[in-house]
PDB file of N, CA and C in Angstrom:
ATOM      1  N   MET A   1       6.698   1.045  -8.430  1.00  0.00           N
ATOM      2  CA  MET A   1       7.199   0.489  -9.653  1.00  0.00           C
ATOM      3  C   MET A   1       6.137  -0.397 -10.295  1.00  0.00           C
ATOM      4  N   PHE A   2       5.553  -1.294  -9.516  1.00  0.00           N
ATOM      5  CA  PHE A   2       4.562  -2.210 -10.069  1.00  0.00           C
ATOM      6  C   PHE A   2       3.324  -1.444 -10.523  1.00  0.00           C
ATOM      7  N   GLU A   3       2.876  -0.500  -9.713  1.00  0.00           N
ATOM      8  CA  GLU A   3       1.691   0.274 -10.051  1.00  0.00           C
ATOM      9  C   GLU A   3       1.865   1.037 -11.358  1.00  0.00           C
ATOM     10  N   THR A   4       3.004   1.666 -11.548  1.00  0.00           N
ATOM     11  CA  THR A   4       3.227   2.434 -12.773  1.00  0.00           C
ATOM     12  C   THR A   4       3.405   1.531 -13.979  1.00  0.00           C
ATOM     13  N   ALA A   5       3.705   0.258 -13.746  1.00  0.00           N
ATOM     14  CA  ALA A   5       3.847  -0.669 -14.863  1.00  0.00           C
ATOM     15  C   ALA A   5       2.503  -1.121 -15.398  1.00  0.00           C
ATOM     16  N   ILE A   6       1.494  -1.152 -14.548  1.00  0.00           N
ATOM     17  CA  ILE A   6       0.218  -1.707 -14.998  1.00  0.00           C
ATOM     18  C   ILE A   6      -0.904  -0.692 -15.061  1.00  0.00           C
ATOM     19  N   ARG A   7      -0.754   0.455 -14.408  1.00  0.00           N
ATOM     20  CA  ARG A   7      -1.808   1.472 -14.411  1.00  0.00           C
ATOM     21  C   ARG A   7      -1.439   2.597 -15.366  1.00  0.00           C
ATOM     22  N   SER A   8      -2.167   2.671 -16.453  1.00  0.00           N
ATOM     23  CA  SER A   8      -1.857   3.705 -17.442  1.00  0.00           C
ATOM     24  C   SER A   8      -2.215   5.102 -16.957  1.00  0.00           C
ATOM     25  N   ASP A   9      -3.071   5.202 -15.931  1.00  0.00           N
ATOM     26  CA  ASP A   9      -3.464   6.520 -15.418  1.00  0.00           C
ATOM     27  C   ASP A   9      -2.597   6.977 -14.243  1.00  0.00           C
ATOM     28  N   SER A  10      -1.525   6.255 -13.953  1.00  0.00           N
ATOM     29  CA  SER A  10      -0.621   6.634 -12.866  1.00  0.00           C
ATOM     30  C   SER A  10       0.113   7.926 -13.219  1.00  0.00           C
ATOM     31  N   ASP A  11       0.386   8.743 -12.212  1.00  0.00           N
ATOM     32  CA  ASP A  11       1.104  10.000 -12.435  1.00  0.00           C
ATOM     33  C   ASP A  11       2.495   9.782 -13.000  1.00  0.00           C
ATOM     34  N   LEU A  12       3.107   8.639 -12.736  1.00  0.00           N
ATOM     35  CA  LEU A  12       4.477   8.379 -13.189  1.00  0.00           C
ATOM     36  C   LEU A  12       4.548   7.607 -14.503  1.00  0.00           C
ATOM     37  N   SER A  13       3.398   7.185 -15.012  1.00  0.00           N
ATOM     38  CA  SER A  13       3.376   6.413 -16.238  1.00  0.00           C
ATOM     39  C   SER A  13       3.677   7.307 -17.447  1.00  0.00           C
ATOM     40  N   VAL A  14       4.508   6.792 -18.352  1.00  0.00           N
ATOM     41  CA  VAL A  14       4.871   7.517 -19.569  1.00  0.00           C
ATOM     42  C   VAL A  14       4.683   6.573 -20.750  1.00  0.00           C
ATOM     43  N   VAL A  15       4.025   7.048 -21.792  1.00  0.00           N
ATOM     44  CA  VAL A  15       3.900   6.254 -23.011  1.00  0.00           C
ATOM     45  C   VAL A  15       4.871   6.825 -24.030  1.00  0.00           C
ATOM     46  N   HIS A  16       5.741   5.953 -24.539  1.00  0.00           N
ATOM     47  CA  HIS A  16       6.749   6.378 -25.508  1.00  0.00           C
ATOM     48  C   HIS A  16       6.793   5.356 -26.639  1.00  0.00           C
ATOM     49  N   GLY A  17       6.594   5.792 -27.834  1.00  0.00           N
ATOM     50  CA  GLY A  17       6.632   4.891 -28.982  1.00  0.00           C
ATOM     51  C   GLY A  17       5.572   3.811 -28.921  1.00  0.00           C
ATOM     52  N   GLY A  18       4.423   4.125 -28.326  1.00  0.00           N
ATOM     53  CA  GLY A  18       3.332   3.166 -28.224  1.00  0.00           C
ATOM     54  C   GLY A  18       3.481   2.161 -27.096  1.00  0.00           C
ATOM     55  N   SER A  19       4.523   2.305 -26.290  1.00  0.00           N
ATOM     56  CA  SER A  19       4.758   1.378 -25.188  1.00  0.00           C
ATOM     57  C   SER A  19       4.732   2.134 -23.867  1.00  0.00           C
ATOM     58  N   GLN A  20       3.991   1.587 -22.909  1.00  0.00           N
ATOM     59  CA  GLN A  20       3.937   2.213 -21.598  1.00  0.00           C
ATOM     60  C   GLN A  20       5.250   1.990 -20.873  1.00  0.00           C
ATOM     61  N   GLN A  21       5.808   3.057 -20.338  1.00  0.00           N
ATOM     62  CA  GLN A  21       7.082   2.997 -19.631  1.00  0.00           C
ATOM     63  C   GLN A  21       6.868   3.246 -18.141  1.00  0.00           C
ATOM     64  N   ASN A  22       7.761   2.736 -17.336  1.00  0.00           N
ATOM     65  CA  ASN A  22       7.778   3.007 -15.907  1.00  0.00           C
ATOM     66  C   ASN A  22       8.801   4.102 -15.711  1.00  0.00           C
ATOM     67  N   GLY A  23       8.327   5.305 -15.442  1.00  0.00           N
ATOM     68  CA  GLY A  23       9.243   6.436 -15.412  1.00  0.00           C
ATOM     69  C   GLY A  23       9.826   6.578 -16.806  1.00  0.00           C
ATOM     70  N   ALA A  24      11.089   6.792 -16.910  1.00  0.00           N
ATOM     71  CA  ALA A  24      11.708   6.908 -18.230  1.00  0.00           C
ATOM     72  C   ALA A  24      12.618   5.736 -18.546  1.00  0.00           C
ATOM     73  N   ILE A  25      12.644   4.721 -17.683  1.00  0.00           N
ATOM     74  CA  ILE A  25      13.627   3.663 -17.848  1.00  0.00           C
ATOM     75  C   ILE A  25      13.001   2.303 -18.177  1.00  0.00           C
ATOM     76  N   LEU A  26      12.108   1.812 -17.333  1.00  0.00           N
ATOM     77  CA  LEU A  26      11.584   0.456 -17.497  1.00  0.00           C
ATOM     78  C   LEU A  26      10.259   0.432 -18.243  1.00  0.00           C
ATOM     79  N   GLY A  27      10.146  -0.476 -19.190  1.00  0.00           N
ATOM     80  CA  GLY A  27       8.861  -0.731 -19.819  1.00  0.00           C
ATOM     81  C   GLY A  27       7.976  -1.501 -18.860  1.00  0.00           C
ATOM     82  N   ASN A  28       6.694  -1.599 -19.163  1.00  0.00           N
ATOM     83  CA  ASN A  28       5.785  -2.244 -18.216  1.00  0.00           C
ATOM     84  C   ASN A  28       6.094  -3.726 -18.031  1.00  0.00           C
ATOM     85  N   GLY A  29       6.570  -4.408 -19.043  1.00  0.00           N
ATOM     86  CA  GLY A  29       6.927  -5.819 -18.875  1.00  0.00           C
ATOM     87  C   GLY A  29       8.120  -5.997 -17.949  1.00  0.00           C
ATOM     88  N   CYS A  30       9.128  -5.152 -18.109  1.00  0.00           N
ATOM     89  CA  CYS A  30      10.316  -5.224 -17.255  1.00  0.00           C
ATOM     90  C   CYS A  30       9.993  -4.843 -15.813  1.00  0.00           C
ATOM     91  N   ALA A  31       9.178  -3.800 -15.648  1.00  0.00           N
ATOM     92  CA  ALA A  31       8.811  -3.369 -14.300  1.00  0.00           C
ATOM     93  C   ALA A  31       7.980  -4.429 -13.599  1.00  0.00           C
ATOM     94  N   THR A  32       7.093  -5.078 -14.330  1.00  0.00           N
ATOM     95  CA  THR A  32       6.279  -6.146 -13.744  1.00  0.00           C
ATOM     96  C   THR A  32       7.159  -7.313 -13.321  1.00  0.00           C
ATOM     97  N   PHE A  33       8.097  -7.714 -14.193  1.00  0.00           N
ATOM     98  CA  PHE A  33       9.023  -8.788 -13.844  1.00  0.00           C
ATOM     99  C   PHE A  33       9.817  -8.443 -12.589  1.00  0.00           C
ATOM    100  N   LEU A  34      10.373  -7.221 -12.543  1.00  0.00           N
ATOM    101  CA  LEU A  34      11.188  -6.817 -11.412  1.00  0.00           C
ATOM    102  C   LEU A  34      10.369  -6.796 -10.119  1.00  0.00           C
ATOM    103  N   ALA A  35       9.143  -6.291 -10.188  1.00  0.00           N
ATOM    104  CA  ALA A  35       8.286  -6.256  -9.007  1.00  0.00           C
ATOM    105  C   ALA A  35       7.966  -7.664  -8.518  1.00  0.00           C
ATOM    106  N   LYS A  36       7.661  -8.575  -9.430  1.00  0.00           N
ATOM    107  CA  LYS A  36       7.366  -9.963  -9.046  1.00  0.00           C
ATOM    108  C   LYS A  36       8.599 -10.642  -8.455  1.00  0.00           C
ATOM    109  N   PHE A  37       9.763 -10.410  -9.070  1.00  0.00           N
ATOM    110  CA  PHE A  37      10.988 -11.020  -8.568  1.00  0.00           C
ATOM    111  C   PHE A  37      11.315 -10.523  -7.160  1.00  0.00           C
ATOM    112  N   LEU A  38      11.239  -9.206  -6.957  1.00  0.00           N
ATOM    113  CA  LEU A  38      11.559  -8.652  -5.636  1.00  0.00           C
ATOM    114  C   LEU A  38      10.559  -9.104  -4.581  1.00  0.00           C
ATOM    115  N   THR A  39       9.304  -9.247  -4.964  1.00  0.00           N
ATOM    116  CA  THR A  39       8.298  -9.764  -4.028  1.00  0.00           C
ATOM    117  C   THR A  39       8.614 -11.208  -3.657  1.00  0.00           C
ATOM    118  N   THR A  40       8.966 -12.010  -4.640  1.00  0.00           N
ATOM    119  CA  THR A  40       9.334 -13.405  -4.383  1.00  0.00           C
ATOM    120  C   THR A  40      10.559 -13.483  -3.476  1.00  0.00           C
ATOM    121  N   LEU A  41      11.555 -12.648  -3.758  1.00  0.00           N
ATOM    122  CA  LEU A  41      12.769 -12.633  -2.939  1.00  0.00           C
ATOM    123  C   LEU A  41      12.454 -12.245  -1.496  1.00  0.00           C
ATOM    124  N   ALA A  42      11.659 -11.202  -1.314  1.00  0.00           N
ATOM    125  CA  ALA A  42      11.328 -10.739   0.032  1.00  0.00           C
ATOM    126  C   ALA A  42      10.523 -11.785   0.802  1.00  0.00           C
ATOM    127  N   LEU A  43       9.550 -12.399   0.148  1.00  0.00           N
ATOM    128  CA  LEU A  43       8.739 -13.419   0.824  1.00  0.00           C
ATOM    129  C   LEU A  43       9.569 -14.657   1.155  1.00  0.00           C
ATOM    130  N   THR A  44      10.456 -15.047   0.248  1.00  0.00           N
ATOM    131  CA  THR A  44      11.307 -16.211   0.490  1.00  0.00           C
ATOM    132  C   THR A  44      12.254 -15.939   1.656  1.00  0.00           C
ATOM    133  N   TYR A  45      12.864 -14.757   1.660  1.00  0.00           N
ATOM    134  CA  TYR A  45      13.765 -14.383   2.756  1.00  0.00           C
ATOM    135  C   TYR A  45      13.015 -14.364   4.093  1.00  0.00           C
ATOM    136  N   SER A  46      11.829 -13.775   4.105  1.00  0.00           N
ATOM    137  CA  SER A  46      11.030 -13.740   5.337  1.00  0.00           C
ATOM    138  C   SER A  46      10.694 -15.144   5.815  1.00  0.00           C
ATOM    139  N   GLY A  47      10.381 -16.029   4.869  1.00  0.00           N
ATOM    140  CA  GLY A  47      10.085 -17.414   5.225  1.00  0.00           C
ATOM    141  C   GLY A  47      11.289 -18.124   5.823  1.00  0.00           C
ATOM    142  N   PHE A  48      12.465 -17.895   5.231  1.00  0.00           N
ATOM    143  CA  PHE A  48      13.683 -18.493   5.774  1.00  0.00           C
ATOM    144  C   PHE A  48      13.988 -17.944   7.171  1.00  0.00           C
ATOM    145  N   CYS A  49      13.758 -16.652   7.361  1.00  0.00           N
ATOM    146  CA  CYS A  49      13.965 -16.059   8.693  1.00  0.00           C
ATOM    147  C   CYS A  49      12.985 -16.652   9.702  1.00  0.00           C
ATOM    148  N   TYR A  50      11.748 -16.835   9.286  1.00  0.00           N
ATOM    149  CA  TYR A  50      10.742 -17.434  10.176  1.00  0.00           C
ATOM    150  C   TYR A  50      11.171 -18.848  10.570  1.00  0.00           C
ATOM    151  N   ASP A  51      11.600 -19.628   9.576  1.00  0.00           N
ATOM    152  CA  ASP A  51      12.040 -20.999   9.854  1.00  0.00           C
ATOM    153  C   ASP A  51      13.251 -21.027  10.790  1.00  0.00           C
ATOM    154  N   ALA A  52      14.130 -20.040  10.667  1.00  0.00           N
ATOM    155  CA  ALA A  52      15.331 -19.960  11.502  1.00  0.00           C
ATOM    156  C   ALA A  52      15.043 -19.277  12.843  1.00  0.00           C
ATOM    157  N   ARG A  53      13.813 -18.830  13.026  1.00  0.00           N
ATOM    158  CA  ARG A  53      13.377 -18.148  14.256  1.00  0.00           C
ATOM    159  C   ARG A  53      14.187 -16.882  14.547  1.00  0.00           C
ATOM    160  N   VAL A  54      14.390 -16.090  13.479  1.00  0.00           N
ATOM    161  CA  VAL A  54      15.046 -14.790  13.626  1.00  0.00           C
ATOM    162  C   VAL A  54      14.131 -13.713  13.053  1.00  0.00           C
ATOM    163  N   ASN A  55      14.310 -12.496  13.534  1.00  0.00           N
ATOM    164  CA  ASN A  55      13.505 -11.367  13.080  1.00  0.00           C
ATOM    165  C   ASN A  55      14.199 -10.719  11.872  1.00  0.00           C
ATOM    166  N   PRO A  56      13.530 -10.687  10.708  1.00  0.00           N
ATOM    167  CA  PRO A  56      14.181 -10.149   9.513  1.00  0.00           C
ATOM    168  C   PRO A  56      14.286  -8.623   9.483  1.00  0.00           C
ATOM    169  N   SER A  57      13.581  -7.930  10.339  1.00  0.00           N
ATOM    170  CA  SER A  57      13.627  -6.466  10.281  1.00  0.00           C
ATOM    171  C   SER A  57      14.814  -5.921  11.067  1.00  0.00           C
ATOM    172  N   GLY A  58      15.523  -4.999  10.445  1.00  0.00           N
ATOM    173  CA  GLY A  58      16.631  -4.332  11.115  1.00  0.00           C
ATOM    174  C   GLY A  58      17.985  -4.982  10.938  1.00  0.00           C
ATOM    175  N   TYR A  59      18.034  -6.216  10.486  1.00  0.00           N
ATOM    176  CA  TYR A  59      19.324  -6.893  10.300  1.00  0.00           C
ATOM    177  C   TYR A  59      19.209  -7.830   9.103  1.00  0.00           C
ATOM    178  N   LEU A  60      20.211  -7.849   8.257  1.00  0.00           N
ATOM    179  CA  LEU A  60      20.221  -8.737   7.102  1.00  0.00           C
ATOM    180  C   LEU A  60      21.071  -9.962   7.422  1.00  0.00           C
ATOM    181  N   TYR A  61      20.446 -11.096   7.447  1.00  0.00           N
ATOM    182  CA  TYR A  61      21.147 -12.356   7.670  1.00  0.00           C
ATOM    183  C   TYR A  61      21.644 -12.835   6.309  1.00  0.00           C
ATOM    184  N   SER A  62      22.908 -12.582   6.019  1.00  0.00           N
ATOM    185  CA  SER A  62      23.436 -12.790   4.671  1.00  0.00           C
ATOM    186  C   SER A  62      23.320 -14.237   4.197  1.00  0.00           C
ATOM    187  N   HIS A  63      23.489 -15.197   5.078  1.00  0.00           N
ATOM    188  CA  HIS A  63      23.375 -16.594   4.647  1.00  0.00           C
ATOM    189  C   HIS A  63      21.933 -16.943   4.264  1.00  0.00           C
ATOM    190  N   LEU A  64      20.965 -16.361   4.972  1.00  0.00           N
ATOM    191  CA  LEU A  64      19.562 -16.596   4.622  1.00  0.00           C
ATOM    192  C   LEU A  64      19.195 -15.829   3.359  1.00  0.00           C
ATOM    193  N   TYR A  65      19.734 -14.613   3.217  1.00  0.00           N
ATOM    194  CA  TYR A  65      19.482 -13.819   2.018  1.00  0.00           C
ATOM    195  C   TYR A  65      20.052 -14.533   0.778  1.00  0.00           C
ATOM    196  N   LYS A  66      21.264 -15.083   0.910  1.00  0.00           N
ATOM    197  CA  LYS A  66      21.887 -15.802  -0.201  1.00  0.00           C
ATOM    198  C   LYS A  66      21.032 -16.999  -0.607  1.00  0.00           C
ATOM    199  N   SER A  67      20.527 -17.729   0.371  1.00  0.00           N
ATOM    200  CA  SER A  67      19.661 -18.872   0.079  1.00  0.00           C
ATOM    201  C   SER A  67      18.368 -18.432  -0.584  1.00  0.00           C
ATOM    202  N   ALA A  68      17.803 -17.328  -0.108  1.00  0.00           N
ATOM    203  CA  ALA A  68      16.570 -16.801  -0.692  1.00  0.00           C
ATOM    204  C   ALA A  68      16.800 -16.347  -2.126  1.00  0.00           C
ATOM    205  N   LEU A  69      17.924 -15.696  -2.373  1.00  0.00           N
ATOM    206  CA  LEU A  69      18.265 -15.237  -3.718  1.00  0.00           C
ATOM    207  C   LEU A  69      18.439 -16.419  -4.656  1.00  0.00           C
ATOM    208  N   GLU A  70      19.132 -17.447  -4.219  1.00  0.00           N
ATOM    209  CA  GLU A  70      19.331 -18.637  -5.054  1.00  0.00           C
ATOM    210  C   GLU A  70      18.001 -19.325  -5.345  1.00  0.00           C
ATOM    211  N   THR A  71      17.110 -19.349  -4.346  1.00  0.00           N
ATOM    212  CA  THR A  71      15.795 -19.961  -4.536  1.00  0.00           C
ATOM    213  C   THR A  71      14.948 -19.137  -5.488  1.00  0.00           C
ATOM    214  N   ALA A  72      14.967 -17.828  -5.350  1.00  0.00           N
ATOM    215  CA  ALA A  72      14.156 -16.954  -6.193  1.00  0.00           C
ATOM    216  C   ALA A  72      14.637 -16.969  -7.642  1.00  0.00           C
ATOM    217  N   LEU A  73      15.930 -17.123  -7.831  1.00  0.00           N
ATOM    218  CA  LEU A  73      16.460 -17.159  -9.204  1.00  0.00           C
ATOM    219  C   LEU A  73      16.140 -18.476  -9.867  1.00  0.00           C
TER     220      LEU A  73
END
């Protein structure tokens, strides 16, 4: 998603009406925002899991995810 938002030579990049699109749905500004937000959410959640001394892979700790989501927003 992030790559197609910023790389005009990507196989999935589409230019429509003078604006680069991510696939057929997201414009490059929206795709960049979404990629940054999801990266922030994932890093925040991983940090909370590290602080709680739990392994974030394979199980979603909903209370930590909720805290990460609130922090990222």
